[in-house]
C-alpha atoms as a PDB file:
ATOM      1  CA  ALA A   1       0.000   0.000   0.000  1.00  0.00           C
ATOM      2  CA  GLU A   2       2.842   2.391   0.837  1.00  0.00           C
ATOM      3  CA  GLU A   3       4.519   1.713  -2.511  1.00  0.00           C
ATOM      4  CA  THR A   4       1.274   2.482  -4.323  1.00  0.00           C
ATOM      5  CA  LEU A   5       0.780   5.612  -2.229  1.00  0.00           C
ATOM      6  CA  VAL A   6       4.268   6.925  -3.042  1.00  0.00           C
ATOM      7  CA  LYS A   7       3.828   6.088  -6.732  1.00  0.00           C
ATOM      8  CA  VAL A   8       0.507   7.980  -6.875  1.00  0.00           C
ATOM      9  CA  ALA A   9       2.098  10.912  -5.010  1.00  0.00           C
ATOM     10  CA  LYS A  10       4.944  11.085  -7.534  1.00  0.00           C
ATOM     11  CA  GLU A  11       2.434  11.083 -10.388  1.00  0.00           C
ATOM     12  CA  PHE A  12       0.382  13.759  -8.593  1.00  0.00           C
ATOM     13  CA  LYS A  13       3.505  15.880  -8.170  1.00  0.00           C
ATOM     14  CA  ALA A  14       4.420  15.473 -11.844  1.00  0.00           C
ATOM     15  CA  SER A  15       0.878  16.403 -12.886  1.00  0.00           C
ATOM     16  CA  ALA A  16       0.856  19.492 -10.649  1.00  0.00           C
ATOM     17  CA  LYS A  17       4.274  20.479 -11.981  1.00  0.00           C
ATOM     18  CA  ARG A  18       3.073  20.157 -15.593  1.00  0.00           C
ATOM     19  CA  LYS A  19      -0.047  22.166 -14.768  1.00  0.00           C
ATOM     20  CA  ALA A  20       2.059  24.898 -13.110  1.00  0.00           C
ATOM     21  CA  ASN A  21       4.451  25.020 -16.055  1.00  0.00           C
ATOM     22  CA  SER A  22       1.577  25.401 -18.522  1.00  0.00           C
ATOM     23  CA  GLU A  23      -0.474  27.941 -16.524  1.00  0.00           C
ATOM     24  CA  LEU A  24       2.217  30.252 -15.177  1.00  0.00           C
ATOM     25  CA  LYS A  25       4.082  32.970 -17.013  1.00  0.00           C
ATOM     26  CA  HIS A  26       7.732  32.005 -17.027  1.00  0.00           C
ATOM     27  CA  VAL A  27      10.441  34.512 -16.282  1.00  0.00           C
ATOM     28  CA  GLU A  28      14.068  33.780 -17.071  1.00  0.00           C
ATOM     29  CA  ARG A  29      15.934  33.849 -13.790  1.00  0.00           C
ATOM     30  CA  GLU A  30      19.663  34.115 -13.270  1.00  0.00           C
ATOM     31  CA  GLY A  31      22.004  33.385 -10.402  1.00  0.00           C
ATOM     32  CA  ASP A  32      20.477  33.007  -6.948  1.00  0.00           C
ATOM     33  CA  ASP A  33      16.984  33.830  -8.210  1.00  0.00           C
ATOM     34  CA  LYS A  34      16.834  30.419  -9.941  1.00  0.00           C
ATOM     35  CA  LYS A  35      16.355  28.701  -6.598  1.00  0.00           C
ATOM     36  CA  TRP A  36      13.087  30.613  -6.051  1.00  0.00           C
ATOM     37  CA  ALA A  37      11.465  29.354  -9.263  1.00  0.00           C
ATOM     38  CA  ILE A  38       8.224  27.452  -8.702  1.00  0.00           C
ATOM     39  CA  LYS A  39       9.100  24.784 -11.246  1.00  0.00           C
ATOM     40  CA  ARG A  40      12.215  23.760  -9.270  1.00  0.00           C
ATOM     41  CA  ARG A  41      10.702  23.553  -5.794  1.00  0.00           C
ATOM     42  CA  TRP A  42       8.400  20.488  -5.814  1.00  0.00           C
ATOM     43  CA  GLY A  43       8.694  17.762  -3.219  1.00  0.00           C
ATOM     44  CA  HIS A  44       6.939  14.833  -1.601  1.00  0.00           C
ATOM     45  CA  LYS A  45       7.376  12.949   1.644  1.00  0.00           C
ATOM     46  CA  MET A  46       5.761   9.925   3.266  1.00  0.00           C
ATOM     47  CA  VAL A  47       4.530  10.451   6.812  1.00  0.00           C
ATOM     48  CA  ASP A  48       3.908   7.136   8.538  1.00  0.00           C
ATOM     49  CA  ASP A  49       2.261   6.943  11.922  1.00  0.00           C
ATOM     50  CA  ARG A  50       0.484   4.170  13.820  1.00  0.00           C
ATOM     51  CA  LEU A  51      -2.862   4.934  12.211  1.00  0.00           C
ATOM     52  CA  GLY A  52      -1.730   4.861   8.592  1.00  0.00           C
ATOM     53  CA  ALA A  53       0.455   6.447   5.978  1.00  0.00           C
ATOM     54  CA  THR A  54       0.110   9.794   4.251  1.00  0.00           C
ATOM     55  CA  VAL A  55       2.146  11.355   1.488  1.00  0.00           C
ATOM     56  CA  LEU A  56       2.542  15.119   1.420  1.00  0.00           C
ATOM     57  CA  VAL A  57       3.131  16.918  -1.877  1.00  0.00           C
ATOM     58  CA  TRP A  58       4.226  20.557  -1.787  1.00  0.00           C
ATOM     59  CA  ASN A  59       5.944  23.424  -3.497  1.00  0.00           C
ATOM     60  CA  SER A  60       8.432  25.215  -1.280  1.00  0.00           C
ATOM     61  CA  ALA A  61       8.841  28.389  -3.342  1.00  0.00           C
ATOM     62  CA  PRO A  62       8.210  31.228  -0.890  1.00  0.00           C
ATOM     63  CA  HIS A  63       5.672  32.853  -3.228  1.00  0.00           C
ATOM     64  CA  PHE A  64       3.781  29.701  -4.244  1.00  0.00           C
ATOM     65  CA  HIS A  65       0.913  30.381  -1.836  1.00  0.00           C
ATOM     66  CA  LEU A  66       0.390  33.751  -3.536  1.00  0.00           C
ATOM     67  CA  VAL A  67       0.215  32.122  -6.952  1.00  0.00           C
ATOM     68  CA  GLU A  68      -2.041  29.345  -5.641  1.00  0.00           C
ATOM     69  CA  ASN A  69      -4.521  31.466  -3.661  1.00  0.00           C
ATOM     70  CA  GLY A  70      -4.241  34.915  -5.254  1.00  0.00           C
ATOM     71  CA  HIS A  71      -2.955  38.182  -3.849  1.00  0.00           C
ATOM     72  CA  ASN A  72      -3.443  41.935  -3.826  1.00  0.00           C
ATOM     73  CA  LEU A  73      -1.601  43.839  -6.546  1.00  0.00           C
ATOM     74  CA  VAL A  74       0.313  46.667  -4.865  1.00  0.00           C
ATOM     75  CA  ARG A  75       2.060  49.534  -6.627  1.00  0.00           C
ATOM     76  CA  GLY A  76       3.657  52.381  -4.701  1.00  0.00           C
ATOM     77  CA  GLY A  77       2.172  51.153  -1.431  1.00  0.00           C
ATOM     78  CA  ASN A  78      -1.379  51.258  -2.806  1.00  0.00           C
ATOM     79  CA  VAL A  79      -3.566  48.272  -3.576  1.00  0.00           C
ATOM     80  CA  ILE A  80      -4.602  48.670  -7.195  1.00  0.00           C
ATOM     81  CA  GLY A  81      -6.225  45.304  -7.794  1.00  0.00           C
ATOM     82  CA  PHE A  82      -6.338  41.609  -7.069  1.00  0.00           C
ATOM     83  CA  VAL A  83      -4.544  38.840  -8.929  1.00  0.00           C
ATOM     84  CA  PRO A  84      -6.699  35.694  -8.774  1.00  0.00           C
ATOM     85  CA  GLY A  85      -5.072  32.422  -7.766  1.00  0.00           C
ATOM     86  CA  LYS A  86      -4.230  29.670 -10.227  1.00  0.00           C
ATOM     87  CA  HIS A  87      -5.373  26.891  -7.830  1.00  0.00           C
ATOM     88  CA  ILE A  88      -2.878  24.418  -9.268  1.00  0.00           C
ATOM     89  CA  MET A  89      -2.962  22.011  -6.332  1.00  0.00           C
ATOM     90  CA  GLU A  90      -6.751  22.176  -6.088  1.00  0.00           C
ATOM     91  CA  LYS A  91      -7.196  21.416  -9.807  1.00  0.00           C
ATOM     92  CA  THR A  92      -4.750  18.534  -9.589  1.00  0.00           C
ATOM     93  CA  ARG A  93      -6.503  17.185  -6.474  1.00  0.00           C
ATOM     94  CA  HIS A  94      -9.837  17.193  -8.328  1.00  0.00           C
ATOM     95  CA  GLU A  95      -8.165  15.413 -11.225  1.00  0.00           C
ATOM     96  CA  TYR A  96      -6.961  12.655  -8.863  1.00  0.00           C
ATOM     97  CA  GLU A  97     -10.244  12.165  -6.950  1.00  0.00           C
ATOM     98  CA  ASP A  98     -11.163   9.274  -9.246  1.00  0.00           C
ATOM     99  CA  ILE A  99      -7.647   8.019  -9.957  1.00  0.00           C
ATOM    100  CA  VAL A 100      -6.602   7.314  -6.340  1.00  0.00           C
ATOM    101  CA  PRO A 101      -9.486   4.953  -5.438  1.00  0.00           C
ATOM    102  CA  GLU A 102      -9.050   3.096  -8.737  1.00  0.00           C
ATOM    103  CA  ARG A 103      -5.325   2.623  -8.068  1.00  0.00           C
ATOM    104  CA  PHE A 104      -5.901   1.245  -4.583  1.00  0.00           C
ATOM    105  CA  GLU A 105      -8.682  -1.070  -5.762  1.00  0.00           C
ATOM    106  CA  LYS A 106      -6.320  -2.420  -8.433  1.00  0.00           C
ATOM    107  CA  MET A 107      -3.560  -2.808  -5.820  1.00  0.00           C
ATOM    108  CA  ILE A 108      -5.916  -4.775  -3.532  1.00  0.00           C
ATOM    109  CA  GLU A 109      -7.032  -6.986  -6.437  1.00  0.00           C
ATOM    110  CA  ASP A 110      -3.384  -7.682  -7.331  1.00  0.00           C
ATOM    111  CA  VAL A 111      -2.503  -8.579  -3.730  1.00  0.00           C
ATOM    112  CA  LEU A 112      -5.506 -10.893  -3.466  1.00  0.00           C
ATOM    113  CA  LYS A 113      -4.660 -12.513  -6.810  1.00  0.00           C
ATOM    114  CA  GLU A 114      -1.016 -13.088  -5.747  1.00  0.00           C
ATOM    115  CA  SER A 115      -2.215 -14.619  -2.470  1.00  0.00           C
ATOM    116  CA  GLY A 116      -4.739 -16.857  -4.224  1.00  0.00           C
ATOM    117  CA  LEU A 117      -7.651 -15.251  -2.366  1.00  0.00           C
ATOM    118  CA  ASP A 118      -9.478 -13.783  -5.346  1.00  0.00           C
END
């Protein structure tokens, strides 16, 4: 189950990364600014406790939450508008609502078949 969970998380991360790359305006960055780029800052991690396992997928760019949720547009200290969020993670989560249960059902069927319990 943990292997399947990590595999789905990696696919989720790749899908979110593709979605971000297609929806965001790309700016050529040089030097130290490269490390702040959203497309370079994706990660995942398995968190295992006694109740079960969870995989976290995130983007650690310090401005990702602004891109995801939206933000006020400020010029000269004045708010002149609002930039709506891209909701990349939310869109990807909706995309995977059907995929995750299917994957785990297939994993259970495979385990039962290997054990001769099908």
